[in-house]
Amino acid sequence: MGYVRDRSTAEDVVQETWLTCLRSLDRFEGRSSLKTWIFGIALNVARARRRKDSRLLPFASLFKRDDSESSAPTVDPRRFAADGMWRTPPDDWSNVPESHVLSRETLDRVRSAIDRLPARQREVIILRDVAGFDAQAVSTVLAITPENQRVRLHRARAAVRKVLEEYLR
């Protein structure tokens, strides 16, 4: 979900998620799909792990500034004309060879861009575009409104697209 950064922590989260699912299966009420219910548990376990791990602050983190929820516009306003239409439209990637777009390096850039997103945006883009959840399931898992889910997804996709535009030029 973007909360854990190393394999051993992720394995711990998965194990704890399955144990929680097994212990709580009798409380599953079927108000959502089983998949959504399990992802909700995984998200809660990952969040709890992050909170626990965040209590141990590395010295260097005391000097890092966190701009997790920037108020800056999603897309540079100079790319739009006065009527709201694109002045500078998004790059057309139809001429980019497919092998380049699917290359390991490009996928690494996408992963890196997703990793740098604020946690709330990262959750949504991973659930929607990586795990393949629909909008309603993501809203349910994250306990957010559909509107909030759309805004977070839009901002996340715009940030990733910006990184790709710069890379593919």
Protein backbone atom coordinates (compact mmCIF):
# COMPACT_ATOMS: atom_id res chain seq x y z
CA MET A 1 0.00 0.00 0.00
CA GLY A 2 2.98 2.24 0.04
CA TYR A 3 3.23 2.22 3.83
CA VAL A 4 6.04 -0.28 4.05
CA ARG A 5 9.27 0.13 2.19
CA ASP A 6 11.19 -3.08 2.73
CA ARG A 7 10.44 -6.71 2.00
CA SER A 8 10.70 -8.06 5.54
CA THR A 9 8.25 -5.47 6.88
CA ALA A 10 5.88 -6.21 3.99
CA GLU A 11 6.09 -9.93 4.78
CA ASP A 12 5.26 -9.19 8.43
CA VAL A 13 2.29 -7.07 7.37
CA VAL A 14 0.99 -9.82 5.06
CA GLN A 15 1.36 -12.45 7.78
CA GLU A 16 -0.40 -10.28 10.35
CA THR A 17 -3.13 -9.51 7.81
CA TRP A 18 -3.84 -13.20 7.20
CA LEU A 19 -3.86 -13.95 10.92
CA THR A 20 -6.29 -11.08 11.50
CA CYS A 21 -8.49 -12.31 8.65
CA LEU A 22 -8.59 -15.82 10.07
CA ARG A 23 -9.39 -14.56 13.56
CA SER A 24 -12.07 -12.18 12.26
CA LEU A 25 -13.70 -14.25 9.53
CA ASP A 26 -16.80 -14.85 11.66
CA ARG A 27 -17.29 -11.06 11.79
CA PHE A 28 -17.26 -10.65 7.98
CA GLU A 29 -20.76 -9.39 7.20
CA GLY A 30 -20.60 -9.39 3.40
CA ARG A 31 -21.31 -5.65 3.10
CA SER A 32 -18.36 -5.53 0.68
CA SER A 33 -16.53 -8.16 -1.31
CA LEU A 34 -14.15 -10.46 0.54
CA LYS A 35 -11.29 -8.91 -1.47
CA THR A 36 -12.23 -5.41 -0.31
CA TRP A 37 -12.55 -6.60 3.29
CA ILE A 38 -9.09 -8.24 3.19
CA PHE A 39 -7.49 -5.16 1.61
CA GLY A 40 -9.09 -3.01 4.32
CA ILE A 41 -7.50 -5.20 6.98
CA ALA A 42 -4.15 -5.08 5.15
CA LEU A 43 -4.34 -1.30 4.97
CA ASN A 44 -5.11 -1.01 8.69
CA VAL A 45 -2.26 -3.38 9.58
CA ALA A 46 0.15 -1.43 7.34
CA ARG A 47 -0.96 1.88 8.84
CA ALA A 48 -0.52 0.53 12.37
CA ARG A 49 2.95 -0.73 11.45
CA ARG A 50 3.86 2.66 9.98
CA ARG A 51 2.67 4.45 13.12
CA LYS A 52 4.68 2.06 15.27
CA ASP A 53 7.79 2.42 13.12
CA SER A 54 7.41 6.20 12.93
CA ARG A 55 7.90 6.44 16.68
CA LEU A 56 11.52 5.53 16.02
CA LEU A 57 12.76 8.58 14.16
CA PRO A 58 16.10 8.45 12.38
CA PHE A 59 18.20 11.50 13.15
CA ALA A 60 18.22 12.61 9.48
CA SER A 61 14.43 12.72 9.38
CA LEU A 62 14.43 15.60 11.83
CA PHE A 63 15.73 17.81 9.03
CA LYS A 64 13.42 16.62 6.23
CA ARG A 65 10.50 18.79 5.24
CA ASP A 66 7.27 16.96 4.38
CA ASP A 67 5.10 18.54 1.70
CA SER A 68 2.66 15.64 1.70
CA GLU A 69 -0.48 17.63 0.89
CA SER A 70 0.71 20.49 -1.25
CA SER A 71 -1.75 23.21 -2.17
CA ALA A 72 -0.02 23.66 -5.53
CA PRO A 73 -2.20 22.99 -8.58
CA THR A 74 -2.14 19.48 -9.99
CA VAL A 75 -1.20 20.70 -13.47
CA ASP A 76 0.76 23.88 -14.15
CA PRO A 77 -1.91 26.56 -14.82
CA ARG A 78 0.23 28.06 -17.59
CA ARG A 79 -0.63 24.99 -19.68
CA PHE A 80 -4.24 26.27 -19.97
CA ALA A 81 -5.68 29.14 -21.99
CA ALA A 82 -8.16 31.65 -20.52
CA ASP A 83 -11.09 29.51 -21.72
CA GLY A 84 -9.82 26.51 -19.75
CA MET A 85 -8.68 24.59 -22.83
CA TRP A 86 -5.16 23.20 -23.11
CA ARG A 87 -2.62 25.72 -24.32
CA THR A 88 0.09 23.07 -24.05
CA PRO A 89 -1.67 19.68 -24.19
CA PRO A 90 -0.23 16.57 -22.56
CA ASP A 91 2.43 14.91 -24.65
CA ASP A 92 1.21 12.44 -27.25
CA TRP A 93 2.89 9.13 -26.56
CA SER A 94 1.55 7.38 -29.65
CA ASN A 95 4.92 7.83 -31.41
CA VAL A 96 6.93 6.43 -28.51
CA PRO A 97 7.96 2.86 -29.31
CA GLU A 98 6.05 0.39 -27.15
CA SER A 99 9.26 -1.35 -26.10
CA HIS A 100 10.52 1.94 -24.64
CA VAL A 101 7.29 2.60 -22.75
CA LEU A 102 7.32 -0.91 -21.30
CA SER A 103 11.03 -0.95 -20.56
CA ARG A 104 12.28 -1.77 -17.12
CA GLU A 105 13.70 1.72 -16.74
CA THR A 106 10.33 3.32 -17.50
CA LEU A 107 8.54 1.04 -15.05
CA ASP A 108 11.16 1.93 -12.44
CA ARG A 109 10.41 5.63 -13.07
CA VAL A 110 6.69 4.99 -12.56
CA ARG A 111 7.34 3.07 -9.33
CA SER A 112 9.65 5.82 -8.11
CA ALA A 113 7.08 8.51 -8.94
CA ILE A 114 4.39 6.57 -7.07
CA ASP A 115 6.70 6.07 -4.09
CA ARG A 116 7.27 9.85 -3.87
CA LEU A 117 3.54 10.66 -3.79
CA PRO A 118 1.92 11.73 -0.53
CA ALA A 119 0.59 8.65 1.30
CA ARG A 120 -3.07 9.44 0.61
CA GLN A 121 -2.52 9.76 -3.12
CA ARG A 122 -0.23 6.73 -3.18
CA GLU A 123 -2.91 4.57 -1.53
CA VAL A 124 -5.50 5.47 -4.14
CA ILE A 125 -3.31 5.07 -7.22
CA ILE A 126 -2.00 1.72 -6.01
CA LEU A 127 -5.46 0.39 -5.25
CA ARG A 128 -6.98 1.71 -8.50
CA ASP A 129 -4.20 1.37 -11.07
CA VAL A 130 -2.02 -1.40 -9.65
CA ALA A 131 -4.43 -3.64 -7.75
CA GLY A 132 -7.32 -2.94 -10.12
CA PHE A 133 -9.98 -1.98 -7.56
CA ASP A 134 -12.98 -0.01 -8.78
CA ALA A 135 -13.72 3.44 -7.38
CA GLN A 136 -16.39 2.25 -4.95
CA ALA A 137 -14.13 -0.44 -3.47
CA VAL A 138 -11.31 2.08 -2.98
CA SER A 139 -13.68 4.51 -1.28
CA THR A 140 -14.86 1.70 1.00
CA VAL A 141 -11.38 0.41 1.85
CA LEU A 142 -10.03 3.87 2.60
CA ALA A 143 -13.25 5.10 4.23
CA ILE A 144 -13.33 8.23 2.06
CA THR A 145 -16.01 9.81 -0.12
CA PRO A 146 -16.10 8.97 -3.84
CA GLU A 147 -15.33 12.62 -4.57
CA ASN A 148 -12.24 12.56 -2.35
CA GLN A 149 -11.13 9.33 -4.02
CA ARG A 150 -11.44 10.96 -7.46
CA VAL A 151 -9.47 14.04 -6.40
CA ARG A 152 -6.66 11.97 -4.88
CA LEU A 153 -6.52 9.72 -7.93
CA HIS A 154 -6.45 12.69 -10.30
CA ARG A 155 -3.62 14.35 -8.39
CA ALA A 156 -1.65 11.10 -8.19
CA ARG A 157 -2.04 10.33 -11.90
CA ALA A 158 -1.11 13.91 -12.83
CA ALA A 159 2.07 13.73 -10.76
CA VAL A 160 3.08 10.39 -12.28
CA ARG A 161 2.24 11.63 -15.77
CA LYS A 162 4.44 14.70 -15.23
CA VAL A 163 7.39 12.48 -14.33
CA LEU A 164 6.78 10.35 -17.42
CA GLU A 165 6.42 13.38 -19.68
CA GLU A 166 9.79 14.67 -18.51
CA TYR A 167 11.39 11.25 -18.95
CA LEU A 168 9.92 10.43 -22.37
CA ARG A 169 10.78 13.77 -23.99
